Amino acid sequence: MARKITADEGRAALAAVAAAETPARAELATAVRYLLQLLAEKAPGNSVEVRVPPFGAVQAIEGPRHTRGTPPNVVETDARTWIALATGAESWTDATAAGRILASGTRADLTPVLPLRP
């Protein structure tokens, strides 16, 4: 993973994204990466890959380690949905029902670790 995003940088990016109808790409990217970083810190592991294209991906959640090919447990969503999930603005159930989360694998439910409360 790239340079660690500080709490001040992450919170500033989240505030900027929340305040703007169309946030700057750099602020959106920083907010997404900050929340992915918090997820990896809160739930370390390698059993689930969480992807928020094109901004980032992390492996998290304890369990069997994945080493080659497509991981067996994958969660993929867009930036706005990831921010809403991670901050508690939207529930996992609602986002899944709306089709904004692609999740595969027996461990690909992040409900136990969300929201992150940055």
N, C-alpha and C. Protein backbone atom coordinates (compact mmCIF):
# COMPACT_ATOMS: atom_id res chain seq x y z
N MET A 1 0.85 -1.18 0.00
CA MET A 1 0.00 0.00 0.00
C MET A 1 0.89 1.24 0.00
N ALA A 2 0.42 2.28 -0.54
CA ALA A 2 1.17 3.52 -0.65
C ALA A 2 1.33 4.18 0.72
N ARG A 3 1.80 5.37 0.72
CA ARG A 3 2.00 6.16 1.93
C ARG A 3 0.72 6.17 2.77
N LYS A 4 0.91 6.06 4.08
CA LYS A 4 -0.23 6.07 4.99
C LYS A 4 -0.88 7.46 5.00
N ILE A 5 -2.18 7.48 4.92
CA ILE A 5 -2.93 8.73 4.95
C ILE A 5 -3.19 9.07 6.42
N THR A 6 -2.84 10.28 6.83
CA THR A 6 -3.04 10.66 8.22
C THR A 6 -4.53 10.86 8.50
N ALA A 7 -4.88 10.81 9.78
CA ALA A 7 -6.28 11.02 10.17
C ALA A 7 -6.76 12.41 9.72
N ASP A 8 -5.91 13.42 9.86
CA ASP A 8 -6.29 14.77 9.44
C ASP A 8 -6.55 14.84 7.94
N GLU A 9 -5.67 14.22 7.14
CA GLU A 9 -5.86 14.20 5.68
C GLU A 9 -7.13 13.45 5.31
N GLY A 10 -7.34 12.31 5.95
CA GLY A 10 -8.51 11.49 5.66
C GLY A 10 -9.81 12.19 6.02
N ARG A 11 -9.83 12.78 7.19
CA ARG A 11 -11.05 13.49 7.63
C ARG A 11 -11.33 14.71 6.75
N ALA A 12 -10.28 15.41 6.35
CA ALA A 12 -10.46 16.57 5.46
C ALA A 12 -11.03 16.12 4.12
N ALA A 13 -10.53 15.02 3.58
CA ALA A 13 -11.05 14.51 2.30
C ALA A 13 -12.50 14.07 2.45
N LEU A 14 -12.82 13.40 3.55
CA LEU A 14 -14.21 12.98 3.77
C LEU A 14 -15.14 14.19 3.88
N ALA A 15 -14.70 15.22 4.58
CA ALA A 15 -15.51 16.43 4.70
C ALA A 15 -15.71 17.10 3.35
N ALA A 16 -14.65 17.15 2.55
CA ALA A 16 -14.75 17.76 1.22
C ALA A 16 -15.69 16.98 0.32
N VAL A 17 -15.63 15.66 0.39
CA VAL A 17 -16.53 14.83 -0.42
C VAL A 17 -17.97 15.02 0.03
N ALA A 18 -18.19 15.07 1.33
CA ALA A 18 -19.55 15.25 1.85
C ALA A 18 -20.14 16.60 1.48
N ALA A 19 -19.29 17.63 1.39
CA ALA A 19 -19.76 18.98 1.12
C ALA A 19 -20.00 19.27 -0.36
N ALA A 20 -19.43 18.45 -1.24
CA ALA A 20 -19.50 18.74 -2.68
C ALA A 20 -20.46 17.79 -3.38
N GLU A 21 -21.25 18.35 -4.28
CA GLU A 21 -22.12 17.51 -5.09
C GLU A 21 -21.29 16.66 -6.04
N THR A 22 -20.25 17.27 -6.61
CA THR A 22 -19.30 16.57 -7.46
C THR A 22 -17.91 16.84 -6.92
N PRO A 23 -17.42 15.98 -6.02
CA PRO A 23 -16.12 16.23 -5.42
C PRO A 23 -14.97 16.08 -6.41
N ALA A 24 -13.87 16.73 -6.08
CA ALA A 24 -12.66 16.60 -6.90
C ALA A 24 -12.18 15.15 -6.84
N ARG A 25 -11.66 14.68 -7.94
CA ARG A 25 -11.19 13.29 -8.02
C ARG A 25 -10.14 13.00 -6.95
N ALA A 26 -9.23 13.92 -6.69
CA ALA A 26 -8.18 13.71 -5.70
C ALA A 26 -8.77 13.55 -4.30
N GLU A 27 -9.76 14.35 -3.98
CA GLU A 27 -10.40 14.24 -2.66
C GLU A 27 -11.16 12.92 -2.53
N LEU A 28 -11.85 12.54 -3.59
CA LEU A 28 -12.58 11.27 -3.59
C LEU A 28 -11.60 10.11 -3.42
N ALA A 29 -10.51 10.15 -4.14
CA ALA A 29 -9.50 9.08 -4.04
C ALA A 29 -8.91 9.01 -2.64
N THR A 30 -8.60 10.15 -2.05
CA THR A 30 -8.03 10.16 -0.70
C THR A 30 -9.04 9.62 0.31
N ALA A 31 -10.30 10.02 0.20
CA ALA A 31 -11.32 9.55 1.12
C ALA A 31 -11.48 8.03 1.03
N VAL A 32 -11.54 7.51 -0.19
CA VAL A 32 -11.68 6.06 -0.40
C VAL A 32 -10.48 5.33 0.18
N ARG A 33 -9.29 5.79 -0.15
CA ARG A 33 -8.07 5.10 0.31
C ARG A 33 -7.93 5.17 1.82
N TYR A 34 -8.32 6.29 2.41
CA TYR A 34 -8.28 6.42 3.87
C TYR A 34 -9.21 5.40 4.52
N LEU A 35 -10.41 5.26 4.00
CA LEU A 35 -11.36 4.31 4.58
C LEU A 35 -10.92 2.86 4.34
N LEU A 36 -10.31 2.57 3.21
CA LEU A 36 -9.75 1.23 2.99
C LEU A 36 -8.62 0.97 3.99
N GLN A 37 -7.81 1.97 4.23
CA GLN A 37 -6.73 1.85 5.21
C GLN A 37 -7.31 1.56 6.60
N LEU A 38 -8.37 2.27 6.98
CA LEU A 38 -9.00 2.03 8.28
C LEU A 38 -9.56 0.61 8.37
N LEU A 39 -10.14 0.13 7.28
CA LEU A 39 -10.67 -1.25 7.27
C LEU A 39 -9.54 -2.24 7.51
N ALA A 40 -8.43 -2.07 6.81
CA ALA A 40 -7.30 -2.99 6.97
C ALA A 40 -6.75 -2.94 8.39
N GLU A 41 -6.81 -1.78 9.04
CA GLU A 41 -6.34 -1.65 10.41
C GLU A 41 -7.33 -2.28 11.39
N LYS A 42 -8.62 -2.09 11.14
CA LYS A 42 -9.66 -2.60 12.05
C LYS A 42 -9.82 -4.11 11.94
N ALA A 43 -9.71 -4.64 10.73
CA ALA A 43 -9.94 -6.07 10.49
C ALA A 43 -8.78 -6.64 9.67
N PRO A 44 -7.58 -6.73 10.26
CA PRO A 44 -6.44 -7.22 9.50
C PRO A 44 -6.62 -8.68 9.07
N GLY A 45 -6.06 -9.00 7.94
CA GLY A 45 -6.14 -10.37 7.44
C GLY A 45 -6.02 -10.38 5.93
N ASN A 46 -6.20 -11.57 5.38
CA ASN A 46 -6.04 -11.74 3.93
C ASN A 46 -7.14 -12.58 3.32
N SER A 47 -8.28 -12.73 3.97
CA SER A 47 -9.28 -13.63 3.42
C SER A 47 -10.30 -12.95 2.52
N VAL A 48 -10.42 -11.62 2.58
CA VAL A 48 -11.38 -10.89 1.74
C VAL A 48 -10.65 -9.74 1.05
N GLU A 49 -10.84 -9.63 -0.25
CA GLU A 49 -10.29 -8.49 -0.98
C GLU A 49 -11.42 -7.49 -1.20
N VAL A 50 -11.22 -6.27 -0.75
CA VAL A 50 -12.20 -5.20 -0.91
C VAL A 50 -11.67 -4.26 -1.97
N ARG A 51 -12.43 -4.11 -3.05
CA ARG A 51 -12.01 -3.30 -4.21
C ARG A 51 -12.95 -2.12 -4.40
N VAL A 52 -12.35 -0.96 -4.61
CA VAL A 52 -13.10 0.25 -4.94
C VAL A 52 -12.41 0.88 -6.15
N PRO A 53 -12.70 0.33 -7.33
CA PRO A 53 -12.02 0.83 -8.53
C PRO A 53 -12.47 2.25 -8.87
N PRO A 54 -11.61 3.06 -9.39
CA PRO A 54 -10.20 2.81 -9.72
C PRO A 54 -9.25 3.22 -8.60
N PHE A 55 -9.77 3.46 -7.40
CA PHE A 55 -8.98 4.10 -6.35
C PHE A 55 -8.16 3.18 -5.46
N GLY A 56 -8.60 1.96 -5.25
CA GLY A 56 -7.80 1.11 -4.38
C GLY A 56 -8.45 -0.21 -4.05
N ALA A 57 -7.66 -1.03 -3.37
CA ALA A 57 -8.12 -2.34 -2.91
C ALA A 57 -7.25 -2.75 -1.72
N VAL A 58 -7.84 -3.46 -0.79
CA VAL A 58 -7.09 -4.00 0.34
C VAL A 58 -7.56 -5.40 0.63
N GLN A 59 -6.69 -6.15 1.28
CA GLN A 59 -7.10 -7.44 1.81
C GLN A 59 -7.32 -7.26 3.30
N ALA A 60 -8.38 -7.86 3.80
CA ALA A 60 -8.75 -7.70 5.20
C ALA A 60 -9.43 -8.97 5.69
N ILE A 61 -9.81 -8.99 6.91
CA ILE A 61 -10.56 -10.06 7.58
C ILE A 61 -9.68 -11.30 7.78
N GLU A 62 -9.59 -11.74 9.02
CA GLU A 62 -8.82 -12.94 9.32
C GLU A 62 -9.44 -14.15 8.64
N GLY A 63 -8.60 -15.10 8.29
CA GLY A 63 -9.06 -16.33 7.66
C GLY A 63 -8.01 -16.87 6.73
N PRO A 64 -8.40 -17.82 5.92
CA PRO A 64 -7.43 -18.44 5.00
C PRO A 64 -6.81 -17.40 4.07
N ARG A 65 -5.52 -17.48 3.90
CA ARG A 65 -4.79 -16.55 3.04
C ARG A 65 -4.94 -16.96 1.58
N HIS A 66 -5.15 -15.96 0.74
CA HIS A 66 -5.26 -16.17 -0.70
C HIS A 66 -3.94 -15.77 -1.35
N THR A 67 -3.43 -16.59 -2.27
CA THR A 67 -2.15 -16.25 -2.87
C THR A 67 -2.14 -16.13 -4.39
N ARG A 68 -3.03 -16.82 -5.11
CA ARG A 68 -2.99 -16.75 -6.58
C ARG A 68 -4.37 -16.64 -7.20
N GLY A 69 -4.40 -16.00 -8.37
CA GLY A 69 -5.65 -15.93 -9.13
C GLY A 69 -6.68 -15.03 -8.46
N THR A 70 -7.93 -15.23 -8.82
CA THR A 70 -9.01 -14.44 -8.25
C THR A 70 -9.27 -14.91 -6.83
N PRO A 71 -9.29 -13.99 -5.88
CA PRO A 71 -9.55 -14.38 -4.49
C PRO A 71 -10.94 -15.01 -4.35
N PRO A 72 -11.11 -15.95 -3.43
CA PRO A 72 -12.41 -16.59 -3.24
C PRO A 72 -13.44 -15.67 -2.60
N ASN A 73 -13.00 -14.65 -1.89
CA ASN A 73 -13.90 -13.71 -1.22
C ASN A 73 -13.57 -12.30 -1.69
N VAL A 74 -14.49 -11.72 -2.46
CA VAL A 74 -14.26 -10.40 -3.05
C VAL A 74 -15.48 -9.52 -2.81
N VAL A 75 -15.21 -8.28 -2.44
CA VAL A 75 -16.24 -7.26 -2.33
C VAL A 75 -15.81 -6.13 -3.25
N GLU A 76 -16.70 -5.71 -4.14
CA GLU A 76 -16.38 -4.60 -5.04
C GLU A 76 -17.54 -3.63 -5.06
N THR A 77 -17.22 -2.35 -4.99
CA THR A 77 -18.25 -1.32 -5.02
C THR A 77 -17.65 -0.02 -5.55
N ASP A 78 -18.50 0.95 -5.81
CA ASP A 78 -18.04 2.25 -6.29
C ASP A 78 -17.64 3.13 -5.10
N ALA A 79 -16.98 4.23 -5.40
CA ALA A 79 -16.44 5.11 -4.36
C ALA A 79 -17.53 5.67 -3.44
N ARG A 80 -18.59 6.19 -4.00
CA ARG A 80 -19.66 6.79 -3.19
C ARG A 80 -20.29 5.76 -2.26
N THR A 81 -20.54 4.57 -2.77
CA THR A 81 -21.13 3.52 -1.94
C THR A 81 -20.18 3.11 -0.83
N TRP A 82 -18.89 2.95 -1.16
CA TRP A 82 -17.91 2.58 -0.14
C TRP A 82 -17.86 3.62 0.98
N ILE A 83 -17.84 4.89 0.62
CA ILE A 83 -17.81 5.94 1.63
C ILE A 83 -19.07 5.89 2.50
N ALA A 84 -20.22 5.70 1.87
CA ALA A 84 -21.47 5.62 2.63
C ALA A 84 -21.48 4.42 3.58
N LEU A 85 -21.01 3.28 3.11
CA LEU A 85 -20.94 2.09 3.95
C LEU A 85 -19.97 2.29 5.11
N ALA A 86 -18.79 2.77 4.80
CA ALA A 86 -17.72 2.89 5.79
C ALA A 86 -18.04 3.93 6.87
N THR A 87 -18.81 4.95 6.51
CA THR A 87 -19.13 6.00 7.48
C THR A 87 -20.47 5.77 8.16
N GLY A 88 -21.20 4.74 7.76
CA GLY A 88 -22.48 4.44 8.38
C GLY A 88 -23.66 5.18 7.79
N ALA A 89 -23.44 5.88 6.68
CA ALA A 89 -24.53 6.60 6.03
C ALA A 89 -25.49 5.65 5.30
N GLU A 90 -25.02 4.44 5.01
CA GLU A 90 -25.85 3.44 4.35
C GLU A 90 -25.52 2.07 4.92
N SER A 91 -26.53 1.22 5.00
CA SER A 91 -26.30 -0.13 5.53
C SER A 91 -25.87 -1.08 4.41
N TRP A 92 -25.16 -2.11 4.81
CA TRP A 92 -24.72 -3.16 3.88
C TRP A 92 -25.94 -3.77 3.19
N THR A 93 -26.97 -4.04 3.95
CA THR A 93 -28.19 -4.67 3.41
C THR A 93 -28.83 -3.81 2.33
N ASP A 94 -28.94 -2.51 2.59
CA ASP A 94 -29.57 -1.61 1.61
C ASP A 94 -28.72 -1.49 0.33
N ALA A 95 -27.42 -1.35 0.50
CA ALA A 95 -26.55 -1.22 -0.68
C ALA A 95 -26.53 -2.50 -1.49
N THR A 96 -26.55 -3.64 -0.82
CA THR A 96 -26.58 -4.92 -1.53
C THR A 96 -27.91 -5.08 -2.28
N ALA A 97 -29.00 -4.76 -1.61
CA ALA A 97 -30.32 -4.88 -2.23
C ALA A 97 -30.45 -3.97 -3.45
N ALA A 98 -29.77 -2.82 -3.41
CA ALA A 98 -29.82 -1.87 -4.52
C ALA A 98 -28.85 -2.26 -5.64
N GLY A 99 -28.07 -3.32 -5.44
CA GLY A 99 -27.16 -3.78 -6.48
C GLY A 99 -25.88 -2.97 -6.59
N ARG A 100 -25.53 -2.22 -5.53
CA ARG A 100 -24.31 -1.41 -5.59
C ARG A 100 -23.10 -2.11 -5.00
N ILE A 101 -23.27 -3.33 -4.53
CA ILE A 101 -22.15 -4.12 -4.02
C ILE A 101 -22.13 -5.43 -4.77
N LEU A 102 -20.97 -5.80 -5.28
CA LEU A 102 -20.76 -7.12 -5.85
C LEU A 102 -19.94 -7.88 -4.82
N ALA A 103 -20.52 -8.91 -4.23
CA ALA A 103 -19.83 -9.68 -3.20
C ALA A 103 -19.90 -11.15 -3.54
N SER A 104 -18.76 -11.82 -3.45
CA SER A 104 -18.72 -13.25 -3.70
C SER A 104 -17.87 -13.92 -2.64
N GLY A 105 -18.26 -15.11 -2.25
CA GLY A 105 -17.52 -15.86 -1.25
C GLY A 105 -18.23 -15.88 0.08
N THR A 106 -17.91 -16.88 0.87
CA THR A 106 -18.59 -17.08 2.15
C THR A 106 -18.21 -16.03 3.19
N ARG A 107 -17.10 -15.34 3.02
CA ARG A 107 -16.67 -14.32 3.98
C ARG A 107 -16.90 -12.89 3.48
N ALA A 108 -17.56 -12.74 2.36
CA ALA A 108 -17.68 -11.43 1.70
C ALA A 108 -18.86 -10.61 2.21
N ASP A 109 -19.09 -10.62 3.50
CA ASP A 109 -20.11 -9.77 4.12
C ASP A 109 -19.37 -8.94 5.16
N LEU A 110 -19.31 -7.64 4.95
CA LEU A 110 -18.54 -6.77 5.83
C LEU A 110 -19.37 -6.19 6.98
N THR A 111 -20.61 -6.65 7.13
CA THR A 111 -21.49 -6.13 8.17
C THR A 111 -20.84 -6.11 9.56
N PRO A 112 -20.10 -7.17 9.95
CA PRO A 112 -19.51 -7.15 11.31
C PRO A 112 -18.45 -6.08 11.54
N VAL A 113 -17.86 -5.54 10.48
CA VAL A 113 -16.80 -4.55 10.67
C VAL A 113 -17.18 -3.14 10.22
N LEU A 114 -18.37 -2.98 9.69
CA LEU A 114 -18.83 -1.65 9.25
C LEU A 114 -19.93 -1.15 10.16
N PRO A 115 -20.06 0.14 10.37
CA PRO A 115 -19.24 1.22 9.82
C PRO A 115 -17.90 1.33 10.56
N LEU A 116 -16.99 2.06 9.95
CA LEU A 116 -15.65 2.22 10.50
C LEU A 116 -15.56 3.37 11.50
N ARG A 117 -16.43 4.33 11.42
CA ARG A 117 -16.45 5.50 12.30
C ARG A 117 -15.12 6.23 12.35
N PRO A 118 -14.70 6.78 11.22
CA PRO A 118 -13.41 7.49 11.19
C PRO A 118 -13.44 8.75 12.04
